[in-house]
Amino acid sequence: MTDSEFEVAGVGIRRMLRSLTRAGKVLVRDGRLVLATSYGSEIDSAPLGSAHIAGYGFPKAALASLGGKRYVLRLGLSERAGLLDAVRTARAKAAAEQGVLGA
């Protein structure tokens, strides 16, 4: 397994009203967004092309949609900005590798 492009620990992960973990991990790795428990067990993951992240209007949280399942990620402001930037950068990198960008 390769190194993560982005990783933040201590993230509260909820699905609707149910708390899945109070100290989970969010990773951007190998073109995938991965939600994991503090022990490293995968909660859910999806390719970045089908994963959606929204951070607008939520001061310390982000909404993640992975394969139709919605999660609330409790992050600090800097971690939320880092996650949004990492997803944007990884998508651009994947597009460049496929030759979508440039001519």
PDB file of N, CA and C in Angstrom:
ATOM      1  N   MET A   1       0.832  -1.159   0.000  1.00  0.00           N
ATOM      2  CA  MET A   1       0.000   0.000   0.000  1.00  0.00           C
ATOM      3  C   MET A   1       0.890   1.240   0.000  1.00  0.00           C
ATOM      4  N   THR A   2       0.534   2.231  -0.810  1.00  0.00           N
ATOM      5  CA  THR A   2       1.362   3.419  -0.927  1.00  0.00           C
ATOM      6  C   THR A   2       1.005   4.434   0.144  1.00  0.00           C
ATOM      7  N   ASP A   3       1.853   5.442   0.255  1.00  0.00           N
ATOM      8  CA  ASP A   3       1.600   6.506   1.226  1.00  0.00           C
ATOM      9  C   ASP A   3       0.360   7.292   0.834  1.00  0.00           C
ATOM     10  N   SER A   4      -0.276   7.848   1.825  1.00  0.00           N
ATOM     11  CA  SER A   4      -1.477   8.642   1.594  1.00  0.00           C
ATOM     12  C   SER A   4      -1.101  10.016   1.069  1.00  0.00           C
ATOM     13  N   GLU A   5      -1.929  10.540   0.169  1.00  0.00           N
ATOM     14  CA  GLU A   5      -1.759  11.903  -0.295  1.00  0.00           C
ATOM     15  C   GLU A   5      -2.285  12.873   0.756  1.00  0.00           C
ATOM     16  N   PHE A   6      -3.242  12.407   1.535  1.00  0.00           N
ATOM     17  CA  PHE A   6      -3.806  13.195   2.627  1.00  0.00           C
ATOM     18  C   PHE A   6      -4.283  12.238   3.694  1.00  0.00           C
ATOM     19  N   GLU A   7      -4.034  12.583   4.935  1.00  0.00           N
ATOM     20  CA  GLU A   7      -4.512  11.761   6.047  1.00  0.00           C
ATOM     21  C   GLU A   7      -4.741  12.656   7.253  1.00  0.00           C
ATOM     22  N   VAL A   8      -5.890  12.507   7.876  1.00  0.00           N
ATOM     23  CA  VAL A   8      -6.172  13.223   9.107  1.00  0.00           C
ATOM     24  C   VAL A   8      -6.839  12.239  10.061  1.00  0.00           C
ATOM     25  N   ALA A   9      -6.398  12.286  11.309  1.00  0.00           N
ATOM     26  CA  ALA A   9      -6.940  11.387  12.334  1.00  0.00           C
ATOM     27  C   ALA A   9      -7.738  12.196  13.347  1.00  0.00           C
ATOM     28  N   GLY A  10      -8.489  11.495  14.165  1.00  0.00           N
ATOM     29  CA  GLY A  10      -9.289  12.150  15.185  1.00  0.00           C
ATOM     30  C   GLY A  10     -10.566  12.758  14.644  1.00  0.00           C
ATOM     31  N   VAL A  11     -11.072  12.194  13.562  1.00  0.00           N
ATOM     32  CA  VAL A  11     -12.257  12.715  12.888  1.00  0.00           C
ATOM     33  C   VAL A  11     -13.500  11.980  13.388  1.00  0.00           C
ATOM     34  N   GLY A  12     -14.499  12.734  13.780  1.00  0.00           N
ATOM     35  CA  GLY A  12     -15.781  12.129  14.112  1.00  0.00           C
ATOM     36  C   GLY A  12     -16.521  11.813  12.824  1.00  0.00           C
ATOM     37  N   ILE A  13     -16.953  10.569  12.648  1.00  0.00           N
ATOM     38  CA  ILE A  13     -17.650  10.159  11.437  1.00  0.00           C
ATOM     39  C   ILE A  13     -19.042   9.691  11.830  1.00  0.00           C
ATOM     40  N   ARG A  14     -20.051  10.312  11.232  1.00  0.00           N
ATOM     41  CA  ARG A  14     -21.444   9.984  11.511  1.00  0.00           C
ATOM     42  C   ARG A  14     -22.139   9.633  10.212  1.00  0.00           C
ATOM     43  N   ARG A  15     -23.122   8.789  10.325  1.00  0.00           N
ATOM     44  CA  ARG A  15     -24.008   8.475   9.207  1.00  0.00           C
ATOM     45  C   ARG A  15     -25.408   8.744   9.699  1.00  0.00           C
ATOM     46  N   MET A  16     -26.007   9.818   9.182  1.00  0.00           N
ATOM     47  CA  MET A  16     -27.298  10.313   9.663  1.00  0.00           C
ATOM     48  C   MET A  16     -27.167  10.593  11.166  1.00  0.00           C
ATOM     49  N   LEU A  17     -27.970  10.018  11.991  1.00  0.00           N
ATOM     50  CA  LEU A  17     -27.904  10.286  13.426  1.00  0.00           C
ATOM     51  C   LEU A  17     -27.002   9.325  14.183  1.00  0.00           C
ATOM     52  N   ARG A  18     -26.434   8.366  13.495  1.00  0.00           N
ATOM     53  CA  ARG A  18     -25.627   7.332  14.132  1.00  0.00           C
ATOM     54  C   ARG A  18     -24.142   7.677  14.066  1.00  0.00           C
ATOM     55  N   SER A  19     -23.495   7.689  15.205  1.00  0.00           N
ATOM     56  CA  SER A  19     -22.061   7.925  15.261  1.00  0.00           C
ATOM     57  C   SER A  19     -21.338   6.609  14.973  1.00  0.00           C
ATOM     58  N   LEU A  20     -20.468   6.628  13.971  1.00  0.00           N
ATOM     59  CA  LEU A  20     -19.698   5.428  13.627  1.00  0.00           C
ATOM     60  C   LEU A  20     -18.375   5.387  14.374  1.00  0.00           C
ATOM     61  N   THR A  21     -17.758   6.549  14.558  1.00  0.00           N
ATOM     62  CA  THR A  21     -16.525   6.645  15.335  1.00  0.00           C
ATOM     63  C   THR A  21     -16.311   8.106  15.720  1.00  0.00           C
ATOM     64  N   ARG A  22     -15.706   8.300  16.883  1.00  0.00           N
ATOM     65  CA  ARG A  22     -15.404   9.662  17.321  1.00  0.00           C
ATOM     66  C   ARG A  22     -13.964  10.039  17.030  1.00  0.00           C
ATOM     67  N   ALA A  23     -13.159   9.092  16.636  1.00  0.00           N
ATOM     68  CA  ALA A  23     -11.743   9.358  16.386  1.00  0.00           C
ATOM     69  C   ALA A  23     -11.276   8.595  15.157  1.00  0.00           C
ATOM     70  N   GLY A  24     -11.999   8.732  14.062  1.00  0.00           N
ATOM     71  CA  GLY A  24     -11.666   7.998  12.840  1.00  0.00           C
ATOM     72  C   GLY A  24     -10.592   8.673  12.013  1.00  0.00           C
ATOM     73  N   LYS A  25     -10.364   8.114  10.844  1.00  0.00           N
ATOM     74  CA  LYS A  25      -9.367   8.635   9.908  1.00  0.00           C
ATOM     75  C   LYS A  25     -10.030   8.871   8.561  1.00  0.00           C
ATOM     76  N   VAL A  26      -9.583   9.925   7.890  1.00  0.00           N
ATOM     77  CA  VAL A  26      -9.991  10.209   6.521  1.00  0.00           C
ATOM     78  C   VAL A  26      -8.720  10.242   5.701  1.00  0.00           C
ATOM     79  N   LEU A  27      -8.691   9.448   4.624  1.00  0.00           N
ATOM     80  CA  LEU A  27      -7.506   9.353   3.784  1.00  0.00           C
ATOM     81  C   LEU A  27      -7.867   9.568   2.320  1.00  0.00           C
ATOM     82  N   VAL A  28      -6.972  10.209   1.594  1.00  0.00           N
ATOM     83  CA  VAL A  28      -7.033  10.256   0.140  1.00  0.00           C
ATOM     84  C   VAL A  28      -5.801   9.485  -0.312  1.00  0.00           C
ATOM     85  N   ARG A  29      -6.047   8.332  -0.964  1.00  0.00           N
ATOM     86  CA  ARG A  29      -4.944   7.443  -1.302  1.00  0.00           C
ATOM     87  C   ARG A  29      -5.281   6.680  -2.576  1.00  0.00           C
ATOM     88  N   ASP A  30      -4.356   6.646  -3.511  1.00  0.00           N
ATOM     89  CA  ASP A  30      -4.499   5.868  -4.747  1.00  0.00           C
ATOM     90  C   ASP A  30      -5.786   6.185  -5.495  1.00  0.00           C
ATOM     91  N   GLY A  31      -6.164   7.463  -5.519  1.00  0.00           N
ATOM     92  CA  GLY A  31      -7.361   7.859  -6.240  1.00  0.00           C
ATOM     93  C   GLY A  31      -8.661   7.497  -5.553  1.00  0.00           C
ATOM     94  N   ARG A  32      -8.613   7.222  -4.254  1.00  0.00           N
ATOM     95  CA  ARG A  32      -9.806   6.842  -3.492  1.00  0.00           C
ATOM     96  C   ARG A  32      -9.912   7.693  -2.236  1.00  0.00           C
ATOM     97  N   LEU A  33     -11.133   7.928  -1.810  1.00  0.00           N
ATOM     98  CA  LEU A  33     -11.399   8.548  -0.527  1.00  0.00           C
ATOM     99  C   LEU A  33     -11.786   7.433   0.428  1.00  0.00           C
ATOM    100  N   VAL A  34     -11.080   7.319   1.538  1.00  0.00           N
ATOM    101  CA  VAL A  34     -11.272   6.220   2.481  1.00  0.00           C
ATOM    102  C   VAL A  34     -11.647   6.783   3.849  1.00  0.00           C
ATOM    103  N   LEU A  35     -12.707   6.245   4.433  1.00  0.00           N
ATOM    104  CA  LEU A  35     -13.085   6.537   5.813  1.00  0.00           C
ATOM    105  C   LEU A  35     -12.762   5.298   6.630  1.00  0.00           C
ATOM    106  N   ALA A  36     -12.056   5.480   7.738  1.00  0.00           N
ATOM    107  CA  ALA A  36     -11.624   4.329   8.546  1.00  0.00           C
ATOM    108  C   ALA A  36     -11.801   4.625  10.030  1.00  0.00           C
ATOM    109  N   THR A  37     -11.846   3.564  10.823  1.00  0.00           N
ATOM    110  CA  THR A  37     -11.894   3.709  12.271  1.00  0.00           C
ATOM    111  C   THR A  37     -10.504   4.058  12.777  1.00  0.00           C
ATOM    112  N   SER A  38     -10.406   4.349  14.056  1.00  0.00           N
ATOM    113  CA  SER A  38      -9.112   4.672  14.639  1.00  0.00           C
ATOM    114  C   SER A  38      -8.170   3.469  14.614  1.00  0.00           C
ATOM    115  N   TYR A  39      -8.722   2.263  14.502  1.00  0.00           N
ATOM    116  CA  TYR A  39      -7.903   1.049  14.429  1.00  0.00           C
ATOM    117  C   TYR A  39      -7.494   0.708  13.004  1.00  0.00           C
ATOM    118  N   GLY A  40      -7.992   1.469  12.028  1.00  0.00           N
ATOM    119  CA  GLY A  40      -7.621   1.247  10.641  1.00  0.00           C
ATOM    120  C   GLY A  40      -8.604   0.408   9.847  1.00  0.00           C
ATOM    121  N   SER A  41      -9.689  -0.060  10.473  1.00  0.00           N
ATOM    122  CA  SER A  41     -10.706  -0.818   9.742  1.00  0.00           C
ATOM    123  C   SER A  41     -11.479   0.134   8.839  1.00  0.00           C
ATOM    124  N   GLU A  42     -11.656  -0.268   7.603  1.00  0.00           N
ATOM    125  CA  GLU A  42     -12.332   0.587   6.639  1.00  0.00           C
ATOM    126  C   GLU A  42     -13.838   0.637   6.901  1.00  0.00           C
ATOM    127  N   ILE A  43     -14.365   1.831   7.002  1.00  0.00           N
ATOM    128  CA  ILE A  43     -15.800   2.033   7.135  1.00  0.00           C
ATOM    129  C   ILE A  43     -16.425   2.040   5.750  1.00  0.00           C
ATOM    130  N   ASP A  44     -15.843   2.831   4.850  1.00  0.00           N
ATOM    131  CA  ASP A  44     -16.330   2.947   3.480  1.00  0.00           C
ATOM    132  C   ASP A  44     -15.245   3.602   2.647  1.00  0.00           C
ATOM    133  N   SER A  45     -15.297   3.385   1.346  1.00  0.00           N
ATOM    134  CA  SER A  45     -14.377   4.045   0.430  1.00  0.00           C
ATOM    135  C   SER A  45     -15.024   4.121  -0.939  1.00  0.00           C
ATOM    136  N   ALA A  46     -14.517   5.044  -1.753  1.00  0.00           N
ATOM    137  CA  ALA A  46     -15.034   5.202  -3.106  1.00  0.00           C
ATOM    138  C   ALA A  46     -13.971   5.888  -3.950  1.00  0.00           C
ATOM    139  N   PRO A  47     -13.970   5.619  -5.257  1.00  0.00           N
ATOM    140  CA  PRO A  47     -13.070   6.361  -6.141  1.00  0.00           C
ATOM    141  C   PRO A  47     -13.404   7.855  -6.085  1.00  0.00           C
ATOM    142  N   LEU A  48     -12.394   8.695  -6.248  1.00  0.00           N
ATOM    143  CA  LEU A  48     -12.618  10.126  -6.159  1.00  0.00           C
ATOM    144  C   LEU A  48     -13.595  10.624  -7.217  1.00  0.00           C
ATOM    145  N   GLY A  49     -13.691   9.918  -8.344  1.00  0.00           N
ATOM    146  CA  GLY A  49     -14.629  10.318  -9.381  1.00  0.00           C
ATOM    147  C   GLY A  49     -16.075  10.203  -8.957  1.00  0.00           C
ATOM    148  N   SER A  50     -16.362   9.305  -8.021  1.00  0.00           N
ATOM    149  CA  SER A  50     -17.742   9.131  -7.569  1.00  0.00           C
ATOM    150  C   SER A  50     -17.961   9.617  -6.137  1.00  0.00           C
ATOM    151  N   ALA A  51     -16.915  10.093  -5.493  1.00  0.00           N
ATOM    152  CA  ALA A  51     -17.038  10.630  -4.137  1.00  0.00           C
ATOM    153  C   ALA A  51     -17.255  12.139  -4.228  1.00  0.00           C
ATOM    154  N   HIS A  52     -18.139  12.629  -3.395  1.00  0.00           N
ATOM    155  CA  HIS A  52     -18.427  14.061  -3.376  1.00  0.00           C
ATOM    156  C   HIS A  52     -18.206  14.586  -1.966  1.00  0.00           C
ATOM    157  N   ILE A  53     -17.524  15.739  -1.881  1.00  0.00           N
ATOM    158  CA  ILE A  53     -17.249  16.376  -0.599  1.00  0.00           C
ATOM    159  C   ILE A  53     -17.806  17.790  -0.652  1.00  0.00           C
ATOM    160  N   ALA A  54     -18.551  18.172   0.349  1.00  0.00           N
ATOM    161  CA  ALA A  54     -19.059  19.541   0.470  1.00  0.00           C
ATOM    162  C   ALA A  54     -18.663  20.072   1.830  1.00  0.00           C
ATOM    163  N   GLY A  55     -18.075  21.247   1.854  1.00  0.00           N
ATOM    164  CA  GLY A  55     -17.659  21.831   3.110  1.00  0.00           C
ATOM    165  C   GLY A  55     -18.242  23.200   3.348  1.00  0.00           C
ATOM    166  N   TYR A  56     -19.092  23.641   2.456  1.00  0.00           N
ATOM    167  CA  TYR A  56     -19.636  24.988   2.557  1.00  0.00           C
ATOM    168  C   TYR A  56     -20.813  25.033   3.513  1.00  0.00           C
ATOM    169  N   GLY A  57     -20.807  26.037   4.376  1.00  0.00           N
ATOM    170  CA  GLY A  57     -21.901  26.214   5.319  1.00  0.00           C
ATOM    171  C   GLY A  57     -21.753  25.428   6.608  1.00  0.00           C
ATOM    172  N   PHE A  58     -20.693  24.659   6.719  1.00  0.00           N
ATOM    173  CA  PHE A  58     -20.469  23.862   7.922  1.00  0.00           C
ATOM    174  C   PHE A  58     -19.121  24.265   8.505  1.00  0.00           C
ATOM    175  N   PRO A  59     -19.096  25.009   9.628  1.00  0.00           N
ATOM    176  CA  PRO A  59     -17.823  25.537  10.124  1.00  0.00           C
ATOM    177  C   PRO A  59     -16.808  24.475  10.534  1.00  0.00           C
ATOM    178  N   LYS A  60     -17.242  23.381  11.140  1.00  0.00           N
ATOM    179  CA  LYS A  60     -16.293  22.367  11.600  1.00  0.00           C
ATOM    180  C   LYS A  60     -16.666  20.991  11.088  1.00  0.00           C
ATOM    181  N   ALA A  61     -17.248  20.928   9.910  1.00  0.00           N
ATOM    182  CA  ALA A  61     -17.671  19.643   9.370  1.00  0.00           C
ATOM    183  C   ALA A  61     -17.642  19.689   7.853  1.00  0.00           C
ATOM    184  N   ALA A  62     -17.664  18.510   7.272  1.00  0.00           N
ATOM    185  CA  ALA A  62     -17.792  18.363   5.825  1.00  0.00           C
ATOM    186  C   ALA A  62     -18.767  17.222   5.577  1.00  0.00           C
ATOM    187  N   LEU A  63     -19.499  17.301   4.498  1.00  0.00           N
ATOM    188  CA  LEU A  63     -20.390  16.225   4.099  1.00  0.00           C
ATOM    189  C   LEU A  63     -19.694  15.419   3.019  1.00  0.00           C
ATOM    190  N   ALA A  64     -19.687  14.118   3.176  1.00  0.00           N
ATOM    191  CA  ALA A  64     -19.075  13.229   2.186  1.00  0.00           C
ATOM    192  C   ALA A  64     -20.140  12.264   1.684  1.00  0.00           C
ATOM    193  N   SER A  65     -20.187  12.089   0.386  1.00  0.00           N
ATOM    194  CA  SER A  65     -21.092  11.120  -0.219  1.00  0.00           C
ATOM    195  C   SER A  65     -20.237  10.094  -0.946  1.00  0.00           C
ATOM    196  N   LEU A  66     -20.303   8.845  -0.483  1.00  0.00           N
ATOM    197  CA  LEU A  66     -19.518   7.758  -1.065  1.00  0.00           C
ATOM    198  C   LEU A  66     -20.474   6.672  -1.525  1.00  0.00           C
ATOM    199  N   GLY A  67     -20.606   6.530  -2.814  1.00  0.00           N
ATOM    200  CA  GLY A  67     -21.475   5.486  -3.342  1.00  0.00           C
ATOM    201  C   GLY A  67     -22.926   5.640  -2.916  1.00  0.00           C
ATOM    202  N   GLY A  68     -23.394   6.873  -2.783  1.00  0.00           N
ATOM    203  CA  GLY A  68     -24.773   7.107  -2.385  1.00  0.00           C
ATOM    204  C   GLY A  68     -24.987   7.173  -0.885  1.00  0.00           C
ATOM    205  N   LYS A  69     -24.001   6.800  -0.096  1.00  0.00           N
ATOM    206  CA  LYS A  69     -24.110   6.887   1.367  1.00  0.00           C
ATOM    207  C   LYS A  69     -23.519   8.221   1.818  1.00  0.00           C
ATOM    208  N   ARG A  70     -24.240   8.906   2.682  1.00  0.00           N
ATOM    209  CA  ARG A  70     -23.796  10.216   3.137  1.00  0.00           C
ATOM    210  C   ARG A  70     -23.248  10.142   4.559  1.00  0.00           C
ATOM    211  N   TYR A  71     -22.146  10.827   4.756  1.00  0.00           N
ATOM    212  CA  TYR A  71     -21.473  10.860   6.043  1.00  0.00           C
ATOM    213  C   TYR A  71     -21.206  12.305   6.435  1.00  0.00           C
ATOM    214  N   VAL A  72     -21.237  12.572   7.735  1.00  0.00           N
ATOM    215  CA  VAL A  72     -20.835  13.861   8.271  1.00  0.00           C
ATOM    216  C   VAL A  72     -19.474  13.654   8.917  1.00  0.00           C
ATOM    217  N   LEU A  73     -18.496  14.429   8.481  1.00  0.00           N
ATOM    218  CA  LEU A  73     -17.133  14.339   9.002  1.00  0.00           C
ATOM    219  C   LEU A  73     -16.873  15.568   9.864  1.00  0.00           C
ATOM    220  N   ARG A  74     -16.612  15.348  11.145  1.00  0.00           N
ATOM    221  CA  ARG A  74     -16.331  16.447  12.069  1.00  0.00           C
ATOM    222  C   ARG A  74     -14.835  16.723  12.048  1.00  0.00           C
ATOM    223  N   LEU A  75     -14.463  17.827  11.400  1.00  0.00           N
ATOM    224  CA  LEU A  75     -13.071  18.212  11.217  1.00  0.00           C
ATOM    225  C   LEU A  75     -12.854  19.624  11.746  1.00  0.00           C
ATOM    226  N   GLY A  76     -11.615  19.972  11.962  1.00  0.00           N
ATOM    227  CA  GLY A  76     -11.271  21.361  12.219  1.00  0.00           C
ATOM    228  C   GLY A  76     -11.245  22.117  10.897  1.00  0.00           C
ATOM    229  N   LEU A  77     -11.173  23.432  10.968  1.00  0.00           N
ATOM    230  CA  LEU A  77     -11.187  24.243   9.751  1.00  0.00           C
ATOM    231  C   LEU A  77     -10.008  23.941   8.834  1.00  0.00           C
ATOM    232  N   SER A  78      -8.813  23.811   9.402  1.00  0.00           N
ATOM    233  CA  SER A  78      -7.638  23.555   8.564  1.00  0.00           C
ATOM    234  C   SER A  78      -7.685  22.160   7.949  1.00  0.00           C
ATOM    235  N   GLU A  79      -8.185  21.175   8.707  1.00  0.00           N
ATOM    236  CA  GLU A  79      -8.285  19.827   8.157  1.00  0.00           C
ATOM    237  C   GLU A  79      -9.322  19.762   7.031  1.00  0.00           C
ATOM    238  N   ARG A  80     -10.438  20.499   7.196  1.00  0.00           N
ATOM    239  CA  ARG A  80     -11.459  20.520   6.148  1.00  0.00           C
ATOM    240  C   ARG A  80     -10.900  21.137   4.869  1.00  0.00           C
ATOM    241  N   ALA A  81     -10.190  22.245   5.003  1.00  0.00           N
ATOM    242  CA  ALA A  81      -9.577  22.886   3.839  1.00  0.00           C
ATOM    243  C   ALA A  81      -8.546  21.961   3.199  1.00  0.00           C
ATOM    244  N   GLY A  82      -7.763  21.261   4.022  1.00  0.00           N
ATOM    245  CA  GLY A  82      -6.771  20.322   3.502  1.00  0.00           C
ATOM    246  C   GLY A  82      -7.411  19.167   2.757  1.00  0.00           C
ATOM    247  N   LEU A  83      -8.536  18.656   3.284  1.00  0.00           N
ATOM    248  CA  LEU A  83      -9.244  17.565   2.616  1.00  0.00           C
ATOM    249  C   LEU A  83      -9.789  18.011   1.267  1.00  0.00           C
ATOM    250  N   LEU A  84     -10.425  19.167   1.228  1.00  0.00           N
ATOM    251  CA  LEU A  84     -10.967  19.669  -0.033  1.00  0.00           C
ATOM    252  C   LEU A  84      -9.859  19.897  -1.058  1.00  0.00           C
ATOM    253  N   ASP A  85      -8.724  20.448  -0.624  1.00  0.00           N
ATOM    254  CA  ASP A  85      -7.591  20.655  -1.524  1.00  0.00           C
ATOM    255  C   ASP A  85      -7.002  19.336  -2.001  1.00  0.00           C
ATOM    256  N   ALA A  86      -6.886  18.356  -1.106  1.00  0.00           N
ATOM    257  CA  ALA A  86      -6.320  17.060  -1.489  1.00  0.00           C
ATOM    258  C   ALA A  86      -7.201  16.349  -2.506  1.00  0.00           C
ATOM    259  N   VAL A  87      -8.518  16.417  -2.328  1.00  0.00           N
ATOM    260  CA  VAL A  87      -9.438  15.790  -3.288  1.00  0.00           C
ATOM    261  C   VAL A  87      -9.330  16.483  -4.636  1.00  0.00           C
ATOM    262  N   ARG A  88      -9.310  17.809  -4.630  1.00  0.00           N
ATOM    263  CA  ARG A  88      -9.195  18.579  -5.870  1.00  0.00           C
ATOM    264  C   ARG A  88      -7.885  18.269  -6.589  1.00  0.00           C
ATOM    265  N   THR A  89      -6.784  18.209  -5.852  1.00  0.00           N
ATOM    266  CA  THR A  89      -5.474  17.925  -6.432  1.00  0.00           C
ATOM    267  C   THR A  89      -5.403  16.506  -6.982  1.00  0.00           C
ATOM    268  N   ALA A  90      -5.933  15.532  -6.248  1.00  0.00           N
ATOM    269  CA  ALA A  90      -5.898  14.141  -6.706  1.00  0.00           C
ATOM    270  C   ALA A  90      -6.740  13.951  -7.963  1.00  0.00           C
ATOM    271  N   ARG A  91      -7.879  14.630  -8.047  1.00  0.00           N
ATOM    272  CA  ARG A  91      -8.703  14.544  -9.261  1.00  0.00           C
ATOM    273  C   ARG A  91      -7.980  15.149 -10.449  1.00  0.00           C
ATOM    274  N   ALA A  92      -7.328  16.290 -10.249  1.00  0.00           N
ATOM    275  CA  ALA A  92      -6.583  16.936 -11.335  1.00  0.00           C
ATOM    276  C   ALA A  92      -5.411  16.071 -11.778  1.00  0.00           C
ATOM    277  N   LYS A  93      -4.749  15.444 -10.829  1.00  0.00           N
ATOM    278  CA  LYS A  93      -3.622  14.567 -11.151  1.00  0.00           C
ATOM    279  C   LYS A  93      -4.095  13.361 -11.963  1.00  0.00           C
ATOM    280  N   ALA A  94      -5.214  12.774 -11.570  1.00  0.00           N
ATOM    281  CA  ALA A  94      -5.769  11.626 -12.313  1.00  0.00           C
ATOM    282  C   ALA A  94      -6.174  12.040 -13.722  1.00  0.00           C
ATOM    283  N   ALA A  95      -6.766  13.222 -13.866  1.00  0.00           N
ATOM    284  CA  ALA A  95      -7.162  13.706 -15.181  1.00  0.00           C
ATOM    285  C   ALA A  95      -5.946  13.948 -16.053  1.00  0.00           C
ATOM    286  N   ALA A  96      -4.872  14.490 -15.476  1.00  0.00           N
ATOM    287  CA  ALA A  96      -3.653  14.743 -16.238  1.00  0.00           C
ATOM    288  C   ALA A  96      -3.001  13.435 -16.692  1.00  0.00           C
ATOM    289  N   GLU A  97      -3.030  12.413 -15.826  1.00  0.00           N
ATOM    290  CA  GLU A  97      -2.447  11.130 -16.185  1.00  0.00           C
ATOM    291  C   GLU A  97      -3.232  10.444 -17.305  1.00  0.00           C
ATOM    292  N   GLN A  98      -4.522  10.728 -17.378  1.00  0.00           N
ATOM    293  CA  GLN A  98      -5.331  10.148 -18.447  1.00  0.00           C
ATOM    294  C   GLN A  98      -5.285  10.961 -19.725  1.00  0.00           C
ATOM    295  N   GLY A  99      -4.589  12.115 -19.656  1.00  0.00           N
ATOM    296  CA  GLY A  99      -4.453  12.953 -20.847  1.00  0.00           C
ATOM    297  C   GLY A  99      -5.659  13.822 -21.115  1.00  0.00           C
ATOM    298  N   VAL A 100      -6.481  14.027 -20.099  1.00  0.00           N
ATOM    299  CA  VAL A 100      -7.666  14.857 -20.284  1.00  0.00           C
ATOM    300  C   VAL A 100      -7.293  16.323 -20.347  1.00  0.00           C
ATOM    301  N   LEU A 101      -6.332  16.733 -19.545  1.00  0.00           N
ATOM    302  CA  LEU A 101      -5.901  18.116 -19.535  1.00  0.00           C
ATOM    303  C   LEU A 101      -4.807  18.332 -20.568  1.00  0.00           C
ATOM    304  N   GLY A 102      -4.755  19.504 -21.129  1.00  0.00           N
ATOM    305  CA  GLY A 102      -3.720  19.824 -22.110  1.00  0.00           C
ATOM    306  C   GLY A 102      -4.033  19.211 -23.460  1.00  0.00           C
ATOM    307  N   ALA A 103      -3.163  19.516 -24.416  1.00  0.00           N
ATOM    308  CA  ALA A 103      -3.401  18.961 -25.754  1.00  0.00           C
ATOM    309  C   ALA A 103      -2.159  18.478 -26.399  1.00  0.00           C
TER     310      ALA A 103
END
